[in-house]
């Protein structure tokens, strides 16, 4: 049983203002596996004040000083990878291989990327007689979700620290263990007091206060579109910067070519990873109507190969994060059936042999209309919708016919065709075949958010741009 009953504020572990706690449930067992302190406004005030004090000195540190801190964090992070992975498996049900691999590995990747970007980032440049200076924005409130805990913490904290900002982190109360270990890592690395602060809690108790706090200069939020709207509303009176990475309903356009079968199979596997709990997942697969029957057979076979079970074992998929999430997914699967989509495999209820735990059957629907609920709403579970198209133009039209615009995918042998389609998709992140890049900007169009994370683009969000005119006036010759 894990117990984390203190917050990390001003370089040390402190008692909360009010000793309230929240239980944390292991989604594989439906049993309480720990508890954490539940913060209130007074705890946020204390953390923000510490961050504000620390900003005065941290904001003027040199590039070399900040690099030194990040390198020390890297050493400690690598030392604690197994601890982080075990916590992630316990708190949100990621299978062990996924936890120690991508879940922890993405955090490490963002740390290495921050070090790489900071090494050569241009904070000042002359443009004629004007000096353009990029300065740290200030105290940053960072609000992260439960589905990729280390990825989302790392992609916010490391660019913020690298650019000279100070931070207050509020992780999800559903998956708080790994964030607590993350704070231990930064403490062991000797991050100066107040530069990084951690307050556990829920949205009403901590998130609202962070978003509305007059001494917070920026809020970076990852989560649902609904919650993102509330974050923006709470932040508006103080006119602070708000960056958001929100929901998605990613289209995956599969072209009619020799690799069709491989691309359909890969699309199923990609969608089901992390039990479908990924905002950028390719949840709408678009295939030619002339090959719909073939796609159905391929998708059924691919889904049947995905094992579901105890995340401490070797199953490909673990549970979804909570009972509430499980019930939401079940209702949407039933909605797909009721609205007339073809259920290829999966469906409602737990997989055979699993009576406990929030396990969902890998589910594939085919012959889905883009007006159906399962094609419009973000399900956030292992549920794939296959839609048909008659032409590439129609495929692009269907792909863009959504309120979301986070990620899009194109699967094709002909790279030139794929490139042309990628340019037409209204998404902030478009993947051709299996492309991946830690330096690529990640963020959404439309209701998928605003701002960008990853690489240099993540740095830009934490900086203000100052123009000093007449900095170097020309002298008379």
Protein backbone atom coordinates (compact mmCIF):
# COMPACT_ATOMS: atom_id res chain seq x y z
CA UNK A 1 0.00 0.00 0.00
CA UNK A 2 1.55 3.27 -1.12
CA UNK A 3 1.05 6.39 0.97
CA UNK A 4 2.17 9.80 -0.24
CA UNK A 5 0.84 12.24 2.32
CA UNK A 6 3.09 15.25 1.74
CA UNK A 7 3.56 17.73 -1.06
CA UNK A 8 6.85 18.83 -2.53
CA UNK A 9 7.10 22.60 -2.03
CA UNK A 10 10.09 24.92 -1.89
CA UNK A 11 12.63 22.11 -2.00
CA UNK A 12 11.15 19.89 0.71
CA UNK A 13 8.30 17.59 1.66
CA UNK A 14 5.61 19.49 3.56
CA UNK A 15 2.38 18.67 5.31
CA UNK A 16 -0.81 19.75 3.50
CA UNK A 17 -2.80 22.65 4.86
CA UNK A 18 -5.64 20.24 5.65
CA UNK A 19 -4.83 16.51 6.11
CA UNK A 20 -7.33 15.15 3.59
CA UNK A 21 -6.56 12.12 1.43
CA UNK A 22 -7.92 10.37 -1.63
CA UNK A 23 -7.73 6.63 -2.27
CA UNK A 24 -6.04 5.39 -5.41
CA UNK A 25 -7.49 2.28 -7.03
CA UNK A 26 -5.57 -0.37 -8.94
CA UNK A 27 -7.69 -0.82 -12.08
CA UNK A 28 -6.54 -4.41 -12.52
CA UNK A 29 -7.89 -5.50 -9.15
CA UNK A 30 -10.48 -2.80 -8.34
CA UNK A 31 -8.81 -2.60 -4.93
CA UNK A 32 -7.35 0.42 -3.18
CA UNK A 33 -3.58 0.32 -3.64
CA UNK A 34 -2.64 3.58 -1.97
CA UNK A 35 -3.62 7.05 -0.98
CA UNK A 36 -2.29 10.52 -1.50
CA UNK A 37 -2.84 13.86 0.14
CA UNK A 38 -5.54 15.98 -1.44
CA UNK A 39 -4.56 19.60 -1.85
CA UNK A 40 -6.55 22.78 -1.39
CA UNK A 41 -6.16 26.40 -2.42
CA UNK A 42 -3.90 27.09 0.54
CA UNK A 43 -1.44 24.45 -0.68
CA UNK A 44 -1.45 25.96 -4.16
CA UNK A 45 -0.85 29.41 -2.69
CA UNK A 46 2.17 28.12 -0.81
CA UNK A 47 3.59 26.38 -3.88
CA UNK A 48 3.02 29.37 -6.15
CA UNK A 49 4.69 31.68 -3.63
CA UNK A 50 7.72 29.37 -3.55
CA UNK A 51 7.84 29.29 -7.34
CA UNK A 52 7.57 33.08 -7.50
CA UNK A 53 10.49 33.52 -5.10
CA UNK A 54 12.61 31.01 -6.99
CA UNK A 55 11.86 32.63 -10.34
CA UNK A 56 13.91 35.70 -9.45
CA UNK A 57 17.13 33.68 -9.43
CA UNK A 58 16.29 30.74 -11.71
CA UNK A 59 15.18 32.99 -14.57
CA UNK A 60 18.64 34.57 -14.83
CA UNK A 61 20.68 31.38 -14.64
CA UNK A 62 22.91 30.65 -17.59
CA UNK A 63 22.27 28.06 -20.26
CA UNK A 64 25.16 26.05 -18.81
CA UNK A 65 23.70 26.09 -15.29
CA UNK A 66 20.34 24.82 -16.50
CA UNK A 67 22.00 22.17 -18.66
CA UNK A 68 23.89 20.95 -15.63
CA UNK A 69 20.65 20.55 -13.69
CA UNK A 70 18.96 18.68 -16.54
CA UNK A 71 21.91 16.31 -16.89
CA UNK A 72 21.76 15.56 -13.16
CA UNK A 73 18.02 14.87 -13.51
CA UNK A 74 18.82 12.51 -16.38
CA UNK A 75 21.12 10.46 -14.15
CA UNK A 76 18.49 10.19 -11.41
CA UNK A 77 15.68 9.45 -13.89
CA UNK A 78 17.63 6.56 -15.38
CA UNK A 79 18.30 5.23 -11.89
CA UNK A 80 14.57 5.21 -11.05
CA UNK A 81 13.12 3.81 -14.28
CA UNK A 82 12.01 0.54 -12.70
CA UNK A 83 10.33 2.40 -9.84
CA UNK A 84 8.49 4.65 -12.28
CA UNK A 85 7.36 1.70 -14.40
CA UNK A 86 6.04 -0.23 -11.39
CA UNK A 87 4.11 2.83 -10.23
CA UNK A 88 2.55 3.38 -13.66
CA UNK A 89 1.45 -0.24 -13.92
CA UNK A 90 -0.15 -0.05 -10.49
CA UNK A 91 -1.83 3.33 -10.85
CA UNK A 92 -3.27 3.15 -14.38
CA UNK A 93 -2.88 -0.45 -15.50
CA UNK A 94 -0.21 -0.20 -18.20
CA UNK A 95 1.22 -3.65 -18.97
CA UNK A 96 4.73 -4.09 -17.60
CA UNK A 97 6.39 -4.02 -21.03
CA UNK A 98 4.52 -0.86 -21.99
CA UNK A 99 5.29 0.78 -18.64
CA UNK A 100 9.04 0.18 -18.65
CA UNK A 101 9.16 0.81 -22.41
CA UNK A 102 7.16 3.67 -23.96
CA UNK A 103 5.55 4.96 -20.76
CA UNK A 104 8.84 5.64 -18.99
CA UNK A 105 10.84 5.87 -22.20
CA UNK A 106 8.88 8.80 -23.59
CA UNK A 107 9.67 10.79 -20.46
CA UNK A 108 13.34 9.98 -20.92
CA UNK A 109 13.11 10.94 -24.57
CA UNK A 110 11.65 14.35 -23.73
CA UNK A 111 14.40 14.93 -21.17
CA UNK A 112 17.12 14.13 -23.69
CA UNK A 113 15.35 16.32 -26.25
CA UNK A 114 15.20 19.24 -23.80
CA UNK A 115 18.94 18.90 -23.21
CA UNK A 116 19.55 18.81 -26.96
CA UNK A 117 17.36 21.83 -27.69
CA UNK A 118 18.72 23.89 -24.81
CA UNK A 119 22.27 23.34 -26.03
CA UNK A 120 21.67 25.43 -29.15
CA UNK A 121 18.41 27.34 -28.59
CA UNK A 122 18.56 30.98 -29.68
CA UNK A 123 17.39 33.18 -26.80
CA UNK A 124 18.70 36.42 -28.35
CA UNK A 125 19.23 37.63 -31.91
CA UNK A 126 19.99 40.92 -33.61
CA UNK A 127 17.75 42.10 -36.41
CA UNK A 128 19.30 45.26 -37.68
CA UNK A 129 19.31 47.79 -34.85
CA UNK A 130 16.77 45.75 -32.86
CA UNK A 131 17.53 43.02 -30.35
CA UNK A 132 14.95 40.22 -30.07
CA UNK A 133 15.07 38.57 -26.66
CA UNK A 134 13.14 35.51 -25.51
CA UNK A 135 12.64 35.53 -21.75
CA UNK A 136 11.02 32.98 -19.41
CA UNK A 137 7.34 33.71 -18.94
CA UNK A 138 7.35 33.13 -15.17
CA UNK A 139 5.52 30.75 -12.85
CA UNK A 140 3.84 27.92 -14.75
CA UNK A 141 0.95 25.80 -13.55
CA UNK A 142 1.18 22.36 -15.14
CA UNK A 143 -1.87 20.08 -15.10
CA UNK A 144 -1.35 16.57 -16.43
CA UNK A 145 -3.56 13.52 -17.14
CA UNK A 146 -3.39 9.87 -16.16
CA UNK A 147 -3.05 8.08 -19.50
CA UNK A 148 0.65 8.72 -20.26
CA UNK A 149 1.82 10.00 -16.86
CA UNK A 150 5.55 10.45 -17.47
CA UNK A 151 5.19 11.60 -21.05
CA UNK A 152 2.88 14.41 -20.05
CA UNK A 153 4.83 15.46 -16.97
CA UNK A 154 8.15 15.41 -18.80
CA UNK A 155 6.94 17.27 -21.88
CA UNK A 156 5.88 20.17 -19.65
CA UNK A 157 8.35 20.25 -16.77
CA UNK A 158 11.59 19.90 -18.73
CA UNK A 159 11.01 22.66 -21.31
CA UNK A 160 9.73 24.94 -18.55
CA UNK A 161 12.85 24.40 -16.43
CA UNK A 162 15.14 24.60 -19.46
CA UNK A 163 13.80 28.03 -20.42
CA UNK A 164 14.15 29.46 -16.91
CA UNK A 165 10.58 29.12 -15.68
CA UNK A 166 9.49 27.77 -12.32
CA UNK A 167 6.67 25.29 -11.95
CA UNK A 168 3.81 23.93 -9.90
CA UNK A 169 2.69 20.48 -11.06
CA UNK A 170 -0.74 18.98 -10.46
CA UNK A 171 -0.88 15.39 -11.75
CA UNK A 172 -4.09 13.42 -12.10
CA UNK A 173 -5.45 12.10 -8.84
CA UNK A 174 -6.15 8.82 -10.70
CA UNK A 175 -2.44 8.25 -11.38
CA UNK A 176 -0.45 10.18 -8.79
CA UNK A 177 2.26 7.69 -7.79
CA UNK A 178 4.65 8.21 -10.68
CA UNK A 179 4.53 12.00 -10.25
CA UNK A 180 5.54 11.59 -6.61
CA UNK A 181 8.56 9.54 -7.68
CA UNK A 182 9.30 12.19 -10.31
CA UNK A 183 9.47 14.79 -7.54
CA UNK A 184 11.88 12.53 -5.65
CA UNK A 185 14.04 12.38 -8.79
CA UNK A 186 14.20 16.15 -9.12
CA UNK A 187 14.95 16.55 -5.41
CA UNK A 188 17.78 14.01 -5.60
CA UNK A 189 19.15 15.85 -8.66
CA UNK A 190 19.44 19.05 -6.65
CA UNK A 191 16.91 21.19 -8.49
CA UNK A 192 16.97 24.50 -6.58
CA UNK A 193 14.24 25.04 -3.99
CA UNK A 194 11.01 26.40 -5.44
CA UNK A 195 11.90 25.76 -9.08
CA UNK A 196 9.74 22.64 -9.12
CA UNK A 197 6.77 22.10 -6.81
CA UNK A 198 4.21 19.30 -6.64
CA UNK A 199 0.69 19.57 -5.21
CA UNK A 200 -1.53 16.51 -5.50
CA UNK A 201 -5.26 16.99 -5.77
CA UNK A 202 -8.33 17.13 -7.96
CA UNK A 203 -9.60 19.72 -10.42
CA UNK A 204 -11.89 21.67 -8.10
CA UNK A 205 -9.39 21.77 -5.23
CA UNK A 206 -6.12 22.40 -7.08
CA UNK A 207 -6.69 22.77 -10.81
CA UNK A 208 -9.12 25.68 -10.58
CA UNK A 209 -6.85 27.54 -8.16
CA UNK A 210 -3.82 27.06 -10.40
CA UNK A 211 -5.68 28.23 -13.49
CA UNK A 212 -7.11 31.32 -11.83
CA UNK A 213 -4.17 32.22 -9.59
CA UNK A 214 -2.99 35.82 -10.13
CA UNK A 215 0.66 34.87 -9.55
CA UNK A 216 0.64 32.08 -12.13
CA UNK A 217 1.79 33.43 -15.49
CA UNK A 218 0.93 30.43 -17.63
CA UNK A 219 -1.13 27.26 -17.47
CA UNK A 220 -0.30 24.20 -19.55
CA UNK A 221 -3.09 21.61 -19.52
CA UNK A 222 -3.51 18.19 -21.08
CA UNK A 223 -6.86 16.46 -20.79
CA UNK A 224 -10.38 16.44 -22.15
CA UNK A 225 -11.80 19.24 -24.25
CA UNK A 226 -14.53 19.75 -21.67
CA UNK A 227 -12.00 20.29 -18.89
CA UNK A 228 -9.84 22.44 -21.15
CA UNK A 229 -12.71 24.84 -21.71
CA UNK A 230 -13.09 25.25 -17.95
CA UNK A 231 -9.35 25.82 -17.54
CA UNK A 232 -9.50 28.61 -20.13
CA UNK A 233 -12.51 30.20 -18.43
CA UNK A 234 -10.78 30.17 -15.06
CA UNK A 235 -7.61 31.64 -16.55
CA UNK A 236 -9.31 34.38 -18.55
CA UNK A 237 -9.71 37.03 -15.79
CA UNK A 238 -5.94 37.13 -15.23
CA UNK A 239 -5.16 37.09 -18.99
CA UNK A 240 -2.48 34.46 -18.51
CA UNK A 241 -1.18 32.30 -21.32
CA UNK A 242 -3.01 29.01 -21.67
CA UNK A 243 -1.75 26.10 -23.74
CA UNK A 244 -3.89 23.01 -24.12
CA UNK A 245 -3.53 19.55 -25.59
CA UNK A 246 -7.04 18.17 -25.63
CA UNK A 247 -9.11 15.42 -27.22
CA UNK A 248 -8.75 13.73 -30.57
CA UNK A 249 -10.51 11.52 -33.07
CA UNK A 250 -7.61 10.68 -35.35
CA UNK A 251 -8.30 9.61 -38.93
CA UNK A 252 -6.07 6.94 -40.47
CA UNK A 253 -6.38 6.98 -44.27
CA UNK A 254 -5.27 3.63 -45.70
CA UNK A 255 -4.68 3.74 -49.44
CA UNK A 256 -5.48 1.00 -51.92
CA UNK A 257 -2.06 -0.48 -52.60
CA UNK A 258 0.03 -3.62 -52.22
CA UNK A 259 0.68 -3.02 -48.50
CA UNK A 260 -3.02 -2.60 -47.68
CA UNK A 261 -3.19 -5.68 -45.43
CA UNK A 262 -0.10 -4.70 -43.46
CA UNK A 263 -1.35 -1.14 -43.00
CA UNK A 264 -4.78 -2.24 -41.77
CA UNK A 265 -3.24 -4.70 -39.32
CA UNK A 266 -0.78 -2.09 -38.04
CA UNK A 267 -3.59 0.43 -37.67
CA UNK A 268 -5.53 -1.94 -35.42
CA UNK A 269 -2.51 -2.62 -33.23
CA UNK A 270 -1.66 1.08 -32.99
CA UNK A 271 -5.23 2.00 -32.01
CA UNK A 272 -5.40 -0.63 -29.28
CA UNK A 273 -2.08 0.28 -27.62
CA UNK A 274 -2.37 1.57 -24.04
CA UNK A 275 -5.90 0.11 -24.11
CA UNK A 276 -6.88 2.87 -26.53
CA UNK A 277 -6.26 5.55 -23.91
CA UNK A 278 -4.30 7.87 -26.17
CA UNK A 279 -5.60 11.21 -27.43
CA UNK A 280 -3.62 10.90 -30.67
CA UNK A 281 -4.78 7.33 -31.39
CA UNK A 282 -5.85 6.50 -34.97
CA UNK A 283 -9.41 5.73 -33.92
CA UNK A 284 -11.10 6.21 -37.33
CA UNK A 285 -9.64 3.98 -40.04
CA UNK A 286 -10.65 4.98 -43.56
CA UNK A 287 -10.42 2.28 -46.22
CA UNK A 288 -11.67 2.05 -49.82
CA UNK A 289 -15.24 0.74 -49.95
CA UNK A 290 -14.08 -1.77 -52.55
CA UNK A 291 -11.82 -3.36 -49.92
CA UNK A 292 -14.08 -3.04 -46.88
CA UNK A 293 -14.73 -6.80 -46.67
CA UNK A 294 -10.99 -7.46 -46.81
CA UNK A 295 -10.34 -4.84 -44.14
CA UNK A 296 -12.90 -6.46 -41.88
CA UNK A 297 -11.19 -9.85 -42.07
CA UNK A 298 -7.74 -8.37 -41.49
CA UNK A 299 -8.90 -6.23 -38.57
CA UNK A 300 -10.69 -9.16 -36.95
CA UNK A 301 -7.54 -11.28 -37.14
CA UNK A 302 -5.29 -8.49 -35.84
CA UNK A 303 -7.57 -7.76 -32.89
CA UNK A 304 -7.86 -11.46 -32.04
CA UNK A 305 -4.09 -11.61 -31.51
CA UNK A 306 -4.18 -8.97 -28.76
CA UNK A 307 -4.17 -10.57 -25.34
CA UNK A 308 -5.93 -8.81 -22.47
CA UNK A 309 -5.09 -9.47 -18.85
CA UNK A 310 -3.03 -8.82 -15.75
CA UNK A 311 -0.68 -5.91 -16.51
CA UNK A 312 1.95 -7.48 -14.28
CA UNK A 313 2.17 -10.35 -16.76
CA UNK A 314 2.77 -10.45 -20.49
CA UNK A 315 -0.65 -9.36 -21.77
CA UNK A 316 -0.67 -6.83 -24.60
CA UNK A 317 -3.53 -4.83 -23.08
CA UNK A 318 -4.27 -4.11 -19.45
CA UNK A 319 -7.40 -2.56 -17.95
CA UNK A 320 -8.67 0.94 -18.57
CA UNK A 321 -8.01 3.35 -15.75
CA UNK A 322 -11.23 3.35 -13.72
CA UNK A 323 -14.75 2.13 -13.29
CA UNK A 324 -16.12 5.39 -14.65
CA UNK A 325 -13.98 5.07 -17.77
CA UNK A 326 -15.04 1.44 -18.19
CA UNK A 327 -18.73 2.35 -18.02
CA UNK A 328 -18.30 5.20 -20.51
CA UNK A 329 -16.62 2.87 -23.00
CA UNK A 330 -19.28 0.19 -22.54
CA UNK A 331 -22.02 2.73 -23.22
CA UNK A 332 -20.34 3.91 -26.41
CA UNK A 333 -19.81 0.35 -27.66
CA UNK A 334 -23.51 -0.28 -27.11
CA UNK A 335 -24.26 2.98 -28.92
CA UNK A 336 -22.30 1.75 -31.93
CA UNK A 337 -24.34 -1.44 -31.98
CA UNK A 338 -27.61 0.44 -31.57
CA UNK A 339 -26.79 2.88 -34.37
CA UNK A 340 -26.19 0.07 -36.85
CA UNK A 341 -22.42 -0.20 -37.18
CA UNK A 342 -21.13 -3.70 -37.98
CA UNK A 343 -19.56 -5.24 -34.89
CA UNK A 344 -16.53 -7.09 -36.26
CA UNK A 345 -15.12 -8.29 -32.95
CA UNK A 346 -15.27 -7.47 -29.26
CA UNK A 347 -18.35 -5.79 -27.87
CA UNK A 348 -19.70 -5.10 -24.42
CA UNK A 349 -18.59 -6.78 -21.22
CA UNK A 350 -15.25 -8.06 -20.02
CA UNK A 351 -13.11 -10.48 -22.01
CA UNK A 352 -13.70 -14.14 -21.18
CA UNK A 353 -12.06 -15.27 -17.97
CA UNK A 354 -11.69 -11.81 -16.47
CA UNK A 355 -14.22 -11.20 -13.72
CA UNK A 356 -12.34 -8.44 -11.88
CA UNK A 357 -10.63 -5.38 -13.22
CA UNK A 358 -11.70 -2.76 -15.74
CA UNK A 359 -10.87 -4.82 -18.79
CA UNK A 360 -12.43 -4.00 -22.15
CA UNK A 361 -12.61 -6.30 -25.17
CA UNK A 362 -10.58 -5.05 -28.12
CA UNK A 363 -13.48 -3.92 -30.28
CA UNK A 364 -13.69 -3.20 -33.99
CA UNK A 365 -16.67 -1.70 -35.77
CA UNK A 366 -16.88 -1.57 -39.57
CA UNK A 367 -19.14 0.14 -42.11
CA UNK A 368 -19.33 3.07 -39.72
CA UNK A 369 -20.93 6.30 -40.87
CA UNK A 370 -19.06 9.45 -39.91
CA UNK A 371 -22.26 10.77 -38.36
CA UNK A 372 -22.43 7.89 -35.87
CA UNK A 373 -21.60 8.58 -32.24
CA UNK A 374 -18.61 6.23 -32.26
CA UNK A 375 -17.13 8.24 -35.14
CA UNK A 376 -17.75 11.61 -33.49
CA UNK A 377 -16.94 11.16 -29.79
CA UNK A 378 -13.57 10.37 -28.29
CA UNK A 379 -14.09 6.92 -26.75
CA UNK A 380 -10.67 6.65 -25.06
CA UNK A 381 -10.76 2.88 -25.05
CA UNK A 382 -9.72 -0.01 -27.34
CA UNK A 383 -12.44 0.67 -29.90
CA UNK A 384 -11.71 1.15 -33.61
CA UNK A 385 -14.19 2.45 -36.19
CA UNK A 386 -13.63 1.53 -39.86
CA UNK A 387 -15.20 3.89 -42.38
CA UNK A 388 -15.35 3.51 -46.16
CA UNK A 389 -14.50 5.97 -48.93
CA UNK A 390 -14.89 6.00 -52.71
CA UNK A 391 -12.13 8.47 -53.56
CA UNK A 392 -9.14 10.08 -51.92
CA UNK A 393 -10.95 13.42 -51.97
CA UNK A 394 -13.84 11.86 -50.07
CA UNK A 395 -11.41 10.26 -47.60
CA UNK A 396 -9.86 13.64 -46.83
CA UNK A 397 -13.31 15.21 -46.49
CA UNK A 398 -14.39 12.53 -44.00
CA UNK A 399 -11.09 12.78 -42.14
CA UNK A 400 -11.50 16.52 -41.64
CA UNK A 401 -15.21 16.29 -40.78
CA UNK A 402 -14.65 16.34 -37.02
CA UNK A 403 -14.45 18.92 -34.25
CA UNK A 404 -11.02 17.55 -33.39
CA UNK A 405 -7.66 18.03 -35.10
CA UNK A 406 -4.93 16.55 -32.96
CA UNK A 407 -3.44 13.75 -35.04
CA UNK A 408 -3.94 12.24 -38.47
CA UNK A 409 -2.37 9.28 -40.22
CA UNK A 410 -1.72 8.25 -43.81
CA UNK A 411 -0.68 4.69 -44.65
CA UNK A 412 0.60 4.22 -48.20
CA UNK A 413 3.34 2.68 -50.29
CA UNK A 414 3.50 5.76 -52.50
CA UNK A 415 5.15 8.40 -50.31
CA UNK A 416 4.36 11.22 -52.74
CA UNK A 417 0.64 10.42 -52.55
CA UNK A 418 0.88 10.20 -48.77
CA UNK A 419 2.62 13.57 -48.58
CA UNK A 420 -0.08 15.23 -50.66
CA UNK A 421 -2.82 13.81 -48.43
CA UNK A 422 -0.94 14.76 -45.25
CA UNK A 423 -0.86 18.40 -46.34
CA UNK A 424 -4.65 18.40 -46.64
CA UNK A 425 -5.43 17.00 -43.19
CA UNK A 426 -6.51 19.55 -40.60
CA UNK A 427 -4.41 18.13 -37.79
CA UNK A 428 -1.47 19.46 -35.85
CA UNK A 429 0.38 16.16 -36.10
CA UNK A 430 0.26 13.97 -39.21
CA UNK A 431 2.10 10.65 -39.37
CA UNK A 432 3.04 9.05 -42.68
CA UNK A 433 3.34 5.31 -42.14
CA UNK A 434 5.38 4.88 -38.94
CA UNK A 435 7.13 8.25 -38.66
CA UNK A 436 8.18 9.52 -35.23
CA UNK A 437 10.21 12.51 -34.06
CA UNK A 438 10.75 13.92 -30.55
CA UNK A 439 11.51 17.29 -32.11
CA UNK A 440 8.23 17.52 -34.04
CA UNK A 441 5.69 19.99 -32.65
CA UNK A 442 2.74 18.22 -31.04
CA UNK A 443 -0.63 19.91 -30.58
CA UNK A 444 -4.03 20.35 -32.12
CA UNK A 445 -6.24 22.28 -34.48
CA UNK A 446 -9.83 23.15 -33.62
CA UNK A 447 -11.11 21.69 -30.34
CA UNK A 448 -7.98 19.64 -29.86
CA UNK A 449 -6.30 22.61 -28.23
CA UNK A 450 -3.83 25.38 -28.85
CA UNK A 451 -0.08 25.75 -28.53
CA UNK A 452 2.54 23.11 -29.20
CA UNK A 453 4.71 20.78 -27.17
CA UNK A 454 7.78 18.66 -28.01
CA UNK A 455 11.20 19.93 -29.05
CA UNK A 456 11.87 23.57 -29.83
CA UNK A 457 8.14 24.18 -30.16
CA UNK A 458 7.67 23.31 -26.50
CA UNK A 459 10.36 25.78 -25.51
CA UNK A 460 8.64 28.57 -27.44
CA UNK A 461 5.48 28.26 -25.33
CA UNK A 462 7.33 29.06 -22.09
CA UNK A 463 8.97 32.23 -23.40
CA UNK A 464 7.91 35.84 -23.86
CA UNK A 465 9.34 37.76 -26.82
CA UNK A 466 10.80 41.19 -26.13
CA UNK A 467 11.92 43.58 -28.86
CA UNK A 468 14.50 46.18 -27.81
CA UNK A 469 14.46 48.84 -30.50
CA UNK A 470 17.50 51.04 -31.01
CA UNK A 471 19.63 48.48 -29.22
CA UNK A 472 22.46 48.94 -31.69
CA UNK A 473 21.82 52.12 -33.67
CA UNK A 474 23.95 52.64 -36.71
CA UNK A 475 26.77 55.08 -36.20
CA UNK A 476 27.47 57.83 -38.69
CA UNK A 477 30.26 57.00 -41.06
